[in-house]
C-alpha atoms as a PDB file:
ATOM      1  CA  MET A   1      36.765 -12.122  -1.780  1.00  0.00           C
ATOM      2  CA  PRO A   2      33.610 -13.368  -0.038  1.00  0.00           C
ATOM      3  CA  GLU A   3      32.669 -11.644   3.237  1.00  0.00           C
ATOM      4  CA  SER A   4      31.535 -13.811   6.155  1.00  0.00           C
ATOM      5  CA  ILE A   5      28.311 -12.505   7.666  1.00  0.00           C
ATOM      6  CA  THR A   6      27.606 -15.407   9.982  1.00  0.00           C
ATOM      7  CA  LYS A   7      29.270 -18.891  10.130  1.00  0.00           C
ATOM      8  CA  ASN A   8      27.042 -20.047   7.264  1.00  0.00           C
ATOM      9  CA  LEU A   9      26.183 -16.827   5.426  1.00  0.00           C
ATOM     10  CA  PHE A  10      28.558 -15.186   2.933  1.00  0.00           C
ATOM     11  CA  LYS A  11      28.268 -12.043   0.771  1.00  0.00           C
ATOM     12  CA  LEU A  12      29.603 -12.547  -2.773  1.00  0.00           C
ATOM     13  CA  SER A  13      30.459  -9.562  -5.013  1.00  0.00           C
ATOM     14  CA  ILE A  14      29.390 -10.221  -8.547  1.00  0.00           C
ATOM     15  CA  LYS A  15      30.357  -7.700 -11.319  1.00  0.00           C
ATOM     16  CA  LEU A  16      27.613  -6.446 -13.687  1.00  0.00           C
ATOM     17  CA  PRO A  17      29.718  -5.260 -16.606  1.00  0.00           C
ATOM     18  CA  ASP A  18      26.736  -4.788 -18.937  1.00  0.00           C
ATOM     19  CA  LEU A  19      24.597  -2.665 -16.570  1.00  0.00           C
ATOM     20  CA  ALA A  20      24.799   0.919 -15.150  1.00  0.00           C
ATOM     21  CA  ILE A  21      25.007  -0.418 -11.628  1.00  0.00           C
ATOM     22  CA  GLU A  22      28.480  -1.975 -11.170  1.00  0.00           C
ATOM     23  CA  SER A  23      27.944  -4.958  -9.013  1.00  0.00           C
ATOM     24  CA  LEU A  24      25.517  -7.244  -7.190  1.00  0.00           C
ATOM     25  CA  ASN A  25      25.738  -8.544  -3.652  1.00  0.00           C
ATOM     26  CA  ALA A  26      24.681 -12.184  -3.997  1.00  0.00           C
ATOM     27  CA  TYR A  27      24.597 -14.213  -0.812  1.00  0.00           C
ATOM     28  CA  LEU A  28      25.463 -17.809  -0.211  1.00  0.00           C
ATOM     29  CA  LEU A  29      23.746 -19.724   2.656  1.00  0.00           C
ATOM     30  CA  THR A  30      25.462 -23.026   3.594  1.00  0.00           C
ATOM     31  CA  LEU A  31      23.357 -25.551   5.484  1.00  0.00           C
ATOM     32  CA  ASN A  32      24.206 -29.091   6.421  1.00  0.00           C
ATOM     33  CA  ASP A  33      22.901 -30.610   3.209  1.00  0.00           C
ATOM     34  CA  LYS A  34      22.330 -27.530   0.961  1.00  0.00           C
ATOM     35  CA  ASN A  35      24.117 -24.621  -0.567  1.00  0.00           C
ATOM     36  CA  ILE A  36      21.703 -21.789  -1.382  1.00  0.00           C
ATOM     37  CA  LEU A  37      22.600 -18.831  -3.595  1.00  0.00           C
ATOM     38  CA  ILE A  38      20.476 -15.724  -3.145  1.00  0.00           C
ATOM     39  CA  ASP A  39      20.297 -13.820  -6.430  1.00  0.00           C
ATOM     40  CA  THR A  40      22.677 -14.551  -9.336  1.00  0.00           C
ATOM     41  CA  GLY A  41      24.038 -11.612 -11.375  1.00  0.00           C
ATOM     42  CA  SER A  42      23.352 -10.793 -14.997  1.00  0.00           C
ATOM     43  CA  PRO A  43      23.513 -13.198 -18.027  1.00  0.00           C
ATOM     44  CA  SER A  44      27.088 -12.135 -18.905  1.00  0.00           C
ATOM     45  CA  TYR A  45      30.599 -13.606 -18.867  1.00  0.00           C
ATOM     46  CA  GLY A  46      31.579 -11.027 -16.243  1.00  0.00           C
ATOM     47  CA  SER A  47      28.940 -12.187 -13.772  1.00  0.00           C
ATOM     48  CA  ILE A  48      29.469 -15.986 -14.271  1.00  0.00           C
ATOM     49  CA  SER A  49      33.263 -15.704 -14.027  1.00  0.00           C
ATOM     50  CA  LEU A  50      33.098 -13.606 -10.726  1.00  0.00           C
ATOM     51  CA  LEU A  51      30.597 -16.085  -9.315  1.00  0.00           C
ATOM     52  CA  VAL A  52      32.983 -18.961 -10.090  1.00  0.00           C
ATOM     53  CA  GLU A  53      35.864 -17.132  -8.486  1.00  0.00           C
ATOM     54  CA  GLU A  54      33.884 -16.195  -5.323  1.00  0.00           C
ATOM     55  CA  LEU A  55      32.767 -19.799  -4.931  1.00  0.00           C
ATOM     56  CA  GLU A  56      36.352 -21.056  -5.461  1.00  0.00           C
ATOM     57  CA  ASP A  57      37.525 -18.848  -2.608  1.00  0.00           C
ATOM     58  CA  LEU A  58      35.012 -20.785  -0.429  1.00  0.00           C
ATOM     59  CA  GLY A  59      36.301 -24.181  -1.706  1.00  0.00           C
ATOM     60  CA  MET A  60      33.192 -24.642  -3.830  1.00  0.00           C
ATOM     61  CA  LYS A  61      32.073 -25.119  -7.487  1.00  0.00           C
ATOM     62  CA  ILE A  62      28.901 -24.122  -9.259  1.00  0.00           C
ATOM     63  CA  SER A  63      27.841 -27.709  -9.190  1.00  0.00           C
ATOM     64  CA  ASP A  64      27.777 -27.507  -5.395  1.00  0.00           C
ATOM     65  CA  ILE A  65      24.824 -25.119  -5.498  1.00  0.00           C
ATOM     66  CA  ASN A  66      21.595 -26.815  -4.739  1.00  0.00           C
ATOM     67  CA  GLU A  67      19.100 -23.968  -4.765  1.00  0.00           C
ATOM     68  CA  ILE A  68      18.722 -20.432  -5.900  1.00  0.00           C
ATOM     69  CA  ILE A  69      16.411 -17.910  -4.196  1.00  0.00           C
ATOM     70  CA  ILE A  70      15.447 -14.893  -6.376  1.00  0.00           C
ATOM     71  CA  THR A  71      14.346 -11.754  -4.598  1.00  0.00           C
ATOM     72  CA  HIS A  72      12.798 -10.238  -7.768  1.00  0.00           C
ATOM     73  CA  PHE A  73      12.815 -10.525 -11.539  1.00  0.00           C
ATOM     74  CA  HIS A  74      15.277  -7.826 -12.548  1.00  0.00           C
ATOM     75  CA  ILE A  75      17.975  -8.973 -14.854  1.00  0.00           C
ATOM     76  CA  ASP A  76      20.927  -8.568 -12.387  1.00  0.00           C
ATOM     77  CA  HIS A  77      19.074 -10.765  -9.914  1.00  0.00           C
ATOM     78  CA  ILE A  78      17.644 -13.475 -12.087  1.00  0.00           C
ATOM     79  CA  GLY A  79      19.899 -13.295 -15.111  1.00  0.00           C
ATOM     80  CA  LEU A  80      21.949 -16.408 -14.457  1.00  0.00           C
ATOM     81  CA  ALA A  81      19.127 -18.538 -12.984  1.00  0.00           C
ATOM     82  CA  TYR A  82      18.308 -20.346 -16.238  1.00  0.00           C
ATOM     83  CA  LEU A  83      21.955 -21.067 -16.946  1.00  0.00           C
ATOM     84  CA  LEU A  84      22.710 -22.321 -13.445  1.00  0.00           C
ATOM     85  CA  SER A  85      19.546 -24.480 -13.480  1.00  0.00           C
ATOM     86  CA  LYS A  86      21.041 -26.264 -16.523  1.00  0.00           C
ATOM     87  CA  LEU A  87      24.648 -26.415 -15.300  1.00  0.00           C
ATOM     88  CA  ALA A  88      23.959 -27.456 -11.660  1.00  0.00           C
ATOM     89  CA  LYS A  89      20.385 -28.697 -11.931  1.00  0.00           C
ATOM     90  CA  VAL A  90      19.458 -26.404  -9.022  1.00  0.00           C
ATOM     91  CA  LYS A  91      15.942 -25.646  -7.747  1.00  0.00           C
ATOM     92  CA  ILE A  92      14.834 -22.064  -8.185  1.00  0.00           C
ATOM     93  CA  ILE A  93      12.770 -20.510  -5.400  1.00  0.00           C
ATOM     94  CA  ILE A  94      10.879 -17.328  -6.103  1.00  0.00           C
ATOM     95  CA  GLY A  95       7.823 -15.434  -4.662  1.00  0.00           C
ATOM     96  CA  ASN A  96       4.507 -16.601  -6.202  1.00  0.00           C
ATOM     97  CA  VAL A  97       3.495 -13.087  -7.202  1.00  0.00           C
ATOM     98  CA  GLU A  98       6.757 -12.429  -9.032  1.00  0.00           C
ATOM     99  CA  TYR A  99       6.674 -15.848 -10.690  1.00  0.00           C
ATOM    100  CA  ASN A 100       3.227 -15.225 -12.055  1.00  0.00           C
ATOM    101  CA  PHE A 101       4.361 -11.792 -13.249  1.00  0.00           C
ATOM    102  CA  ILE A 102       7.329 -13.103 -15.257  1.00  0.00           C
ATOM    103  CA  LYS A 103       5.161 -15.868 -16.770  1.00  0.00           C
ATOM    104  CA  ARG A 104       3.053 -13.175 -18.428  1.00  0.00           C
ATOM    105  CA  PHE A 105       5.892 -10.690 -18.952  1.00  0.00           C
ATOM    106  CA  LYS A 106       6.012 -11.143 -22.754  1.00  0.00           C
ATOM    107  CA  TYR A 107       2.472  -9.745 -23.006  1.00  0.00           C
ATOM    108  CA  ARG A 108       3.496  -6.441 -21.361  1.00  0.00           C
ATOM    109  CA  TYR A 109       4.873  -4.623 -24.352  1.00  0.00           C
ATOM    110  CA  GLU A 110       1.661  -3.274 -25.733  1.00  0.00           C
ATOM    111  CA  GLU A 111       0.472  -2.210 -22.276  1.00  0.00           C
ATOM    112  CA  MET A 112       3.728  -0.486 -21.713  1.00  0.00           C
ATOM    113  CA  ILE A 113       3.633   1.421 -25.005  1.00  0.00           C
ATOM    114  CA  LYS A 114       0.033   2.478 -24.338  1.00  0.00           C
ATOM    115  CA  ILE A 115       0.901   3.927 -20.863  1.00  0.00           C
ATOM    116  CA  LEU A 116       3.984   5.713 -22.207  1.00  0.00           C
ATOM    117  CA  LYS A 117       2.175   7.214 -25.176  1.00  0.00           C
ATOM    118  CA  LEU A 118      -0.723   8.342 -23.039  1.00  0.00           C
ATOM    119  CA  ASN A 119       1.719  10.135 -20.795  1.00  0.00           C
ATOM    120  CA  GLY A 120       3.562  12.049 -23.509  1.00  0.00           C
ATOM    121  CA  ALA A 121       6.706   9.963 -23.718  1.00  0.00           C
ATOM    122  CA  SER A 122       9.296  10.611 -26.416  1.00  0.00           C
ATOM    123  CA  GLN A 123       9.994   8.195 -29.220  1.00  0.00           C
ATOM    124  CA  GLN A 124      13.330   7.470 -27.491  1.00  0.00           C
ATOM    125  CA  LEU A 125      11.489   6.160 -24.435  1.00  0.00           C
ATOM    126  CA  LEU A 126       9.174   4.064 -26.619  1.00  0.00           C
ATOM    127  CA  ASN A 127      12.306   2.522 -28.168  1.00  0.00           C
ATOM    128  CA  ILE A 128      13.952   1.645 -24.849  1.00  0.00           C
ATOM    129  CA  ALA A 129      10.587   0.122 -23.660  1.00  0.00           C
ATOM    130  CA  PHE A 130      11.070  -2.425 -26.426  1.00  0.00           C
ATOM    131  CA  ASP A 131      14.461  -3.439 -24.974  1.00  0.00           C
ATOM    132  CA  PHE A 132      13.044  -3.902 -21.512  1.00  0.00           C
ATOM    133  CA  THR A 133       9.803  -5.688 -22.444  1.00  0.00           C
ATOM    134  CA  SER A 134      10.311  -7.604 -25.695  1.00  0.00           C
ATOM    135  CA  GLY A 135      14.096  -7.937 -26.146  1.00  0.00           C
ATOM    136  CA  PHE A 136      16.876 -10.037 -24.644  1.00  0.00           C
ATOM    137  CA  ARG A 137      15.799  -9.342 -21.000  1.00  0.00           C
ATOM    138  CA  ALA A 138      12.208 -10.495 -21.658  1.00  0.00           C
ATOM    139  CA  ASN A 139      13.558 -13.726 -23.245  1.00  0.00           C
ATOM    140  CA  ILE A 140      15.588 -14.434 -20.027  1.00  0.00           C
ATOM    141  CA  TYR A 141      12.480 -13.994 -17.934  1.00  0.00           C
ATOM    142  CA  SER A 142      10.408 -16.232 -20.171  1.00  0.00           C
ATOM    143  CA  ARG A 143      12.997 -18.987 -20.031  1.00  0.00           C
ATOM    144  CA  VAL A 144      12.823 -19.035 -16.169  1.00  0.00           C
ATOM    145  CA  GLY A 145       8.999 -18.963 -16.370  1.00  0.00           C
ATOM    146  CA  GLU A 146       9.098 -22.161 -18.523  1.00  0.00           C
ATOM    147  CA  LEU A 147      11.363 -24.164 -16.206  1.00  0.00           C
ATOM    148  CA  ASN A 148       9.889 -27.145 -14.319  1.00  0.00           C
ATOM    149  CA  ASN A 149      12.321 -26.835 -11.316  1.00  0.00           C
ATOM    150  CA  VAL A 150      10.752 -23.786  -9.800  1.00  0.00           C
ATOM    151  CA  GLU A 151       9.223 -23.637  -6.314  1.00  0.00           C
ATOM    152  CA  THR A 152       7.122 -20.616  -5.413  1.00  0.00           C
ATOM    153  CA  VAL A 153       6.837 -19.329  -1.860  1.00  0.00           C
ATOM    154  CA  ASN A 154       4.058 -17.318  -0.287  1.00  0.00           C
ATOM    155  CA  ASP A 155       4.138 -14.257   1.988  1.00  0.00           C
ATOM    156  CA  SER A 156       5.369 -15.092   5.522  1.00  0.00           C
ATOM    157  CA  GLN A 157       6.327 -18.627   4.452  1.00  0.00           C
ATOM    158  CA  GLN A 158       9.131 -20.290   6.538  1.00  0.00           C
ATOM    159  CA  LEU A 159      11.799 -22.285   4.752  1.00  0.00           C
ATOM    160  CA  TYR A 160      14.831 -23.564   6.605  1.00  0.00           C
ATOM    161  CA  ASN A 161      15.670 -20.789   9.092  1.00  0.00           C
ATOM    162  CA  LEU A 162      14.294 -18.085   6.787  1.00  0.00           C
ATOM    163  CA  LYS A 163      11.080 -16.223   6.544  1.00  0.00           C
ATOM    164  CA  PHE A 164       9.914 -14.862   3.135  1.00  0.00           C
ATOM    165  CA  LEU A 165       8.325 -11.383   3.264  1.00  0.00           C
ATOM    166  CA  PHE A 166       6.249  -9.942   0.465  1.00  0.00           C
ATOM    167  CA  THR A 167       7.578  -6.379  -0.036  1.00  0.00           C
ATOM    168  CA  PRO A 168       6.200  -4.983  -3.243  1.00  0.00           C
ATOM    169  CA  GLY A 169       7.165  -1.572  -4.669  1.00  0.00           C
ATOM    170  CA  HIS A 170      10.455  -2.005  -6.446  1.00  0.00           C
ATOM    171  CA  THR A 171       8.751  -4.746  -8.368  1.00  0.00           C
ATOM    172  CA  ILE A 172       5.179  -6.124  -8.050  1.00  0.00           C
ATOM    173  CA  GLY A 173       6.340  -9.260  -6.166  1.00  0.00           C
ATOM    174  CA  HIS A 174       9.620  -8.425  -4.557  1.00  0.00           C
ATOM    175  CA  ILE A 175      10.486 -10.489  -1.491  1.00  0.00           C
ATOM    176  CA  CYS A 176      12.835  -9.811   1.389  1.00  0.00           C
ATOM    177  CA  ILE A 177      14.256 -12.690   3.426  1.00  0.00           C
ATOM    178  CA  TYR A 178      14.357 -12.443   7.242  1.00  0.00           C
ATOM    179  CA  ASP A 179      16.682 -14.506   9.365  1.00  0.00           C
ATOM    180  CA  GLU A 180      14.951 -14.145  12.704  1.00  0.00           C
ATOM    181  CA  GLU A 181      17.634 -16.036  14.699  1.00  0.00           C
ATOM    182  CA  ASN A 182      20.424 -13.683  13.638  1.00  0.00           C
ATOM    183  CA  LYS A 183      18.155 -10.653  13.216  1.00  0.00           C
ATOM    184  CA  LEU A 184      19.313 -10.186   9.635  1.00  0.00           C
ATOM    185  CA  LEU A 185      17.280  -8.947   6.689  1.00  0.00           C
ATOM    186  CA  LEU A 186      18.364  -9.847   3.098  1.00  0.00           C
ATOM    187  CA  SER A 187      16.630  -6.818   1.674  1.00  0.00           C
ATOM    188  CA  GLY A 188      17.186  -7.277  -2.161  1.00  0.00           C
ATOM    189  CA  ASP A 189      16.523  -3.946  -3.765  1.00  0.00           C
ATOM    190  CA  THR A 190      13.841  -2.807  -1.225  1.00  0.00           C
ATOM    191  CA  LEU A 191      16.536  -1.264   1.027  1.00  0.00           C
ATOM    192  CA  LEU A 192      19.794   0.036  -0.387  1.00  0.00           C
ATOM    193  CA  ALA A 193      22.340   2.053   1.678  1.00  0.00           C
ATOM    194  CA  ASP A 194      23.447   4.759  -0.784  1.00  0.00           C
ATOM    195  CA  ILE A 195      20.898   5.070  -3.528  1.00  0.00           C
ATOM    196  CA  THR A 196      17.094   5.095  -3.545  1.00  0.00           C
ATOM    197  CA  PRO A 197      15.509   1.976  -5.060  1.00  0.00           C
ATOM    198  CA  ASN A 198      13.627   2.680  -8.287  1.00  0.00           C
ATOM    199  CA  VAL A 199       9.814   2.597  -7.827  1.00  0.00           C
ATOM    200  CA  SER A 200       8.159   2.697 -11.229  1.00  0.00           C
ATOM    201  CA  LEU A 201       4.581   2.415 -12.555  1.00  0.00           C
ATOM    202  CA  TYR A 202       4.186   0.197 -15.582  1.00  0.00           C
ATOM    203  CA  GLU A 203       0.781  -1.330 -14.962  1.00  0.00           C
ATOM    204  CA  GLU A 204      -2.222   0.965 -15.132  1.00  0.00           C
ATOM    205  CA  ASN A 205      -4.188  -0.379 -12.166  1.00  0.00           C
ATOM    206  CA  SER A 206      -1.404  -0.234  -9.634  1.00  0.00           C
ATOM    207  CA  ASN A 207       0.061   2.136  -7.041  1.00  0.00           C
ATOM    208  CA  PRO A 208       3.676   0.960  -6.555  1.00  0.00           C
ATOM    209  CA  LEU A 209       4.794   3.936  -4.347  1.00  0.00           C
ATOM    210  CA  ASN A 210       2.002   3.210  -1.876  1.00  0.00           C
ATOM    211  CA  ASP A 211       3.016  -0.374  -1.937  1.00  0.00           C
ATOM    212  CA  TYR A 212       6.631   0.542  -1.359  1.00  0.00           C
ATOM    213  CA  LEU A 213       5.819   2.789   1.578  1.00  0.00           C
ATOM    214  CA  LYS A 214       3.782   0.006   3.130  1.00  0.00           C
ATOM    215  CA  SER A 215       6.664  -2.413   2.592  1.00  0.00           C
ATOM    216  CA  LEU A 216       9.082  -0.009   4.388  1.00  0.00           C
ATOM    217  CA  LYS A 217       6.716   0.317   7.366  1.00  0.00           C
ATOM    218  CA  ARG A 218       6.354  -3.473   7.511  1.00  0.00           C
ATOM    219  CA  ILE A 219      10.130  -3.892   7.610  1.00  0.00           C
ATOM    220  CA  SER A 220      10.375  -1.178  10.318  1.00  0.00           C
ATOM    221  CA  LYS A 221       8.404  -3.442  12.711  1.00  0.00           C
ATOM    222  CA  LEU A 222      11.060  -6.192  12.562  1.00  0.00           C
ATOM    223  CA  GLU A 223      13.983  -6.516  14.925  1.00  0.00           C
ATOM    224  CA  ILE A 224      16.941  -6.075  12.609  1.00  0.00           C
ATOM    225  CA  LYS A 225      20.631  -5.815  13.519  1.00  0.00           C
ATOM    226  CA  LYS A 226      21.787  -5.443   9.914  1.00  0.00           C
ATOM    227  CA  SER A 227      20.150  -5.288   6.494  1.00  0.00           C
ATOM    228  CA  LEU A 228      22.016  -6.988   3.686  1.00  0.00           C
ATOM    229  CA  PRO A 229      21.148  -5.223   0.445  1.00  0.00           C
ATOM    230  CA  ALA A 230      21.657  -6.479  -3.099  1.00  0.00           C
ATOM    231  CA  HIS A 231      23.861  -3.468  -3.971  1.00  0.00           C
ATOM    232  CA  GLY A 232      26.319  -1.355  -2.067  1.00  0.00           C
ATOM    233  CA  ARG A 233      27.312  -1.474   1.608  1.00  0.00           C
ATOM    234  CA  ILE A 234      25.597  -3.286   4.471  1.00  0.00           C
ATOM    235  CA  ILE A 235      23.003  -1.162   6.260  1.00  0.00           C
ATOM    236  CA  GLU A 236      23.922  -1.011   9.955  1.00  0.00           C
ATOM    237  CA  ASN A 237      20.898   1.059  11.073  1.00  0.00           C
ATOM    238  CA  THR A 238      17.813  -0.093   9.213  1.00  0.00           C
ATOM    239  CA  GLU A 239      15.298   2.155  10.972  1.00  0.00           C
ATOM    240  CA  GLU A 240      17.336   5.233  10.106  1.00  0.00           C
ATOM    241  CA  ARG A 241      17.605   4.243   6.437  1.00  0.00           C
ATOM    242  CA  ILE A 242      13.872   3.576   6.251  1.00  0.00           C
ATOM    243  CA  ARG A 243      13.199   7.089   7.584  1.00  0.00           C
ATOM    244  CA  GLU A 244      15.590   8.490   4.942  1.00  0.00           C
ATOM    245  CA  LEU A 245      13.882   6.647   2.133  1.00  0.00           C
ATOM    246  CA  ILE A 246      10.388   7.815   3.304  1.00  0.00           C
ATOM    247  CA  LYS A 247      11.730  11.362   3.519  1.00  0.00           C
ATOM    248  CA  HIS A 248      13.033  11.136   0.006  1.00  0.00           C
ATOM    249  CA  HIS A 249       9.680  10.211  -1.426  1.00  0.00           C
ATOM    250  CA  GLU A 250       7.918  12.847   0.550  1.00  0.00           C
ATOM    251  CA  GLU A 251      10.308  15.419  -0.924  1.00  0.00           C
ATOM    252  CA  ARG A 252       9.827  14.001  -4.422  1.00  0.00           C
ATOM    253  CA  LEU A 253       6.051  14.217  -4.133  1.00  0.00           C
ATOM    254  CA  ASN A 254       6.251  17.886  -2.993  1.00  0.00           C
ATOM    255  CA  GLU A 255       8.786  18.664  -5.786  1.00  0.00           C
ATOM    256  CA  ILE A 256       6.329  17.380  -8.386  1.00  0.00           C
ATOM    257  CA  LEU A 257       3.559  19.557  -7.004  1.00  0.00           C
ATOM    258  CA  GLU A 258       5.917  22.562  -7.022  1.00  0.00           C
ATOM    259  CA  ILE A 259       6.918  21.849 -10.637  1.00  0.00           C
ATOM    260  CA  MET A 260       3.244  21.634 -11.588  1.00  0.00           C
ATOM    261  CA  GLY A 261       2.320  25.003 -10.101  1.00  0.00           C
ATOM    262  CA  ASN A 262      -0.982  25.955 -11.693  1.00  0.00           C
ATOM    263  CA  ARG A 263      -0.244  24.361 -15.040  1.00  0.00           C
ATOM    264  CA  GLU A 264      -1.455  21.192 -16.710  1.00  0.00           C
ATOM    265  CA  LEU A 265       1.552  19.029 -17.554  1.00  0.00           C
ATOM    266  CA  THR A 266       2.150  15.530 -18.903  1.00  0.00           C
ATOM    267  CA  ALA A 267       4.112  13.001 -16.849  1.00  0.00           C
ATOM    268  CA  TYR A 268       6.923  13.273 -19.393  1.00  0.00           C
ATOM    269  CA  GLU A 269       7.107  17.054 -19.076  1.00  0.00           C
ATOM    270  CA  ILE A 270       7.259  16.703 -15.252  1.00  0.00           C
ATOM    271  CA  ALA A 271       9.955  14.024 -15.519  1.00  0.00           C
ATOM    272  CA  THR A 272      12.219  16.355 -17.503  1.00  0.00           C
ATOM    273  CA  LYS A 273      11.994  19.021 -14.794  1.00  0.00           C
ATOM    274  CA  ILE A 274      12.646  16.862 -11.674  1.00  0.00           C
ATOM    275  CA  LYS A 275      16.092  17.167 -10.170  1.00  0.00           C
ATOM    276  CA  TRP A 276      17.176  13.544 -10.328  1.00  0.00           C
ATOM    277  CA  LYS A 277      20.103  12.540  -8.097  1.00  0.00           C
ATOM    278  CA  LEU A 278      22.407  11.883 -10.994  1.00  0.00           C
ATOM    279  CA  LYS A 279      25.475  13.638 -12.372  1.00  0.00           C
ATOM    280  CA  TYR A 280      24.010  15.532 -15.323  1.00  0.00           C
ATOM    281  CA  ASN A 281      23.380  19.099 -16.490  1.00  0.00           C
ATOM    282  CA  GLY A 282      20.108  18.521 -18.306  1.00  0.00           C
ATOM    283  CA  TRP A 283      17.581  15.952 -19.320  1.00  0.00           C
ATOM    284  CA  ASP A 284      19.179  15.484 -22.754  1.00  0.00           C
ATOM    285  CA  GLU A 285      22.393  14.253 -21.094  1.00  0.00           C
ATOM    286  CA  LEU A 286      20.704  11.309 -19.433  1.00  0.00           C
ATOM    287  CA  ASP A 287      21.176   7.828 -20.777  1.00  0.00           C
ATOM    288  CA  PRO A 288      17.949   6.474 -22.396  1.00  0.00           C
ATOM    289  CA  SER A 289      17.622   3.778 -19.767  1.00  0.00           C
ATOM    290  CA  GLN A 290      17.887   6.429 -16.990  1.00  0.00           C
ATOM    291  CA  LYS A 291      15.118   8.423 -18.743  1.00  0.00           C
ATOM    292  CA  TYR A 292      13.077   5.344 -18.845  1.00  0.00           C
ATOM    293  CA  LEU A 293      13.426   4.728 -15.141  1.00  0.00           C
ATOM    294  CA  ALA A 294      12.845   8.434 -14.412  1.00  0.00           C
ATOM    295  CA  MET A 295       9.572   8.296 -16.400  1.00  0.00           C
ATOM    296  CA  GLY A 296       8.462   5.199 -14.441  1.00  0.00           C
ATOM    297  CA  GLU A 297       9.268   6.980 -11.108  1.00  0.00           C
ATOM    298  CA  THR A 298       7.331  10.054 -12.134  1.00  0.00           C
ATOM    299  CA  LEU A 299       4.315   8.019 -13.091  1.00  0.00           C
ATOM    300  CA  ALA A 300       4.438   6.190  -9.728  1.00  0.00           C
ATOM    301  CA  HIS A 301       4.485   9.454  -7.797  1.00  0.00           C
ATOM    302  CA  LEU A 302       1.700  10.937  -9.900  1.00  0.00           C
ATOM    303  CA  LYS A 303      -0.364   7.852  -9.301  1.00  0.00           C
ATOM    304  CA  TYR A 304       0.136   8.201  -5.541  1.00  0.00           C
ATOM    305  CA  LEU A 305      -0.806  11.912  -5.711  1.00  0.00           C
ATOM    306  CA  GLU A 306      -3.881  11.059  -7.717  1.00  0.00           C
ATOM    307  CA  ASP A 307      -5.103   8.406  -5.375  1.00  0.00           C
ATOM    308  CA  ILE A 308      -4.876  10.834  -2.425  1.00  0.00           C
ATOM    309  CA  ASP A 309      -6.723  13.491  -4.474  1.00  0.00           C
ATOM    310  CA  ALA A 310      -3.767  15.809  -4.633  1.00  0.00           C
ATOM    311  CA  VAL A 311      -3.827  15.895  -8.442  1.00  0.00           C
ATOM    312  CA  ARG A 312      -6.303  14.948 -11.149  1.00  0.00           C
ATOM    313  CA  ARG A 313      -5.884  13.974 -14.672  1.00  0.00           C
ATOM    314  CA  ARG A 314      -7.668  14.863 -17.946  1.00  0.00           C
ATOM    315  CA  ILE A 315      -7.069  13.677 -21.457  1.00  0.00           C
ATOM    316  CA  SER A 316      -6.314  16.337 -24.058  1.00  0.00           C
ATOM    317  CA  ASP A 317      -5.555  15.343 -27.618  1.00  0.00           C
ATOM    318  CA  GLY A 318      -5.022  11.746 -26.617  1.00  0.00           C
ATOM    319  CA  VAL A 319      -2.478  12.565 -23.909  1.00  0.00           C
ATOM    320  CA  ILE A 320      -2.980  12.648 -20.120  1.00  0.00           C
ATOM    321  CA  LYS A 321      -2.234  15.953 -18.427  1.00  0.00           C
ATOM    322  CA  TYR A 322      -2.089  16.436 -14.693  1.00  0.00           C
ATOM    323  CA  VAL A 323      -3.148  19.419 -12.626  1.00  0.00           C
ATOM    324  CA  LYS A 324      -3.205  20.077  -8.866  1.00  0.00           C
ATOM    325  CA  GLN A 325      -6.569  19.772  -7.154  1.00  0.00           C
ATOM    326  CA  LYS A 326      -5.887  22.910  -5.073  1.00  0.00           C
ATOM    327  CA  GLU A 327      -3.116  25.318  -4.257  1.00  0.00           C
ATOM    328  CA  ASN A 328      -0.669  25.031  -1.401  1.00  0.00           C
ATOM    329  CA  VAL A 329      -0.897  21.205  -1.047  1.00  0.00           C
ATOM    330  CA  LYS A 330       1.891  19.852   1.137  1.00  0.00           C
ATOM    331  CA  ILE A 331       2.423  16.105   1.375  1.00  0.00           C
ATOM    332  CA  SER A 332       3.600  14.636   4.726  1.00  0.00           C
ATOM    333  CA  LEU A 333       4.294  10.881   4.857  1.00  0.00           C
END
């Protein structure tokens, strides 16, 4: 059943039967002459059927949707955009950085494999990288990139009563949407109430964790009564949640330094030793997709540590190994 946030903004619960995370919070904004869906669900029967049901509860049909705003390219957010664009002939609105990224997404496979191999990844992770970058998901992204009914928005651009904020970190071009009048932030996956958003490095010349921390600090300067995330419950105290997320990454950075000790380790070796906030007894129990995300997170944290000169890398037998620059390093964010 849709939840009313304001008189013209509703939270829709969309099941994600094919993904580890169970559901998506999509949002429907109803204006005088437009009905705008914010994020879509995955390309599955479960998602489309729940979307239909949620809209019916509001007395609407899919054909009543005029526009779709995409916060970022992940499959649970953009997955139905292509189908809806054909069924309802909607306009798709997406951040310009994210749009440029998905247009070149099909070329990422070789770069991804190179990064994973250099960092000691197992064959299992190399196999899952194919699914993420060259399989069904990549085809969905490519289809959206080929549509001619896409409008891109820039950082701080105003549209209707909304302001688009460039908040990279979870993805390279993630956007949050700020409703200044009601002091609401549609936070996508940048802010989640109960889990920490994944921040992964999959492009060599990037520092996604640094980007993410900057995004959190940018959001913290806004006046926000509630943050409306794409998964889980609504965030009633945004400032407190931001502090918790920053603290989490501070702890993870220091955990990595402790794991390293005075040894040279690959990113993969470090990833297997981190205490991930999942229900498992050992690395081998993790689902391959969880290992893939864990590897990406480890690389993002190592890149951050490298850029602040806390660790350095060297290549040994074609594999990157990391070592601390000095003993007793303590990171404070």
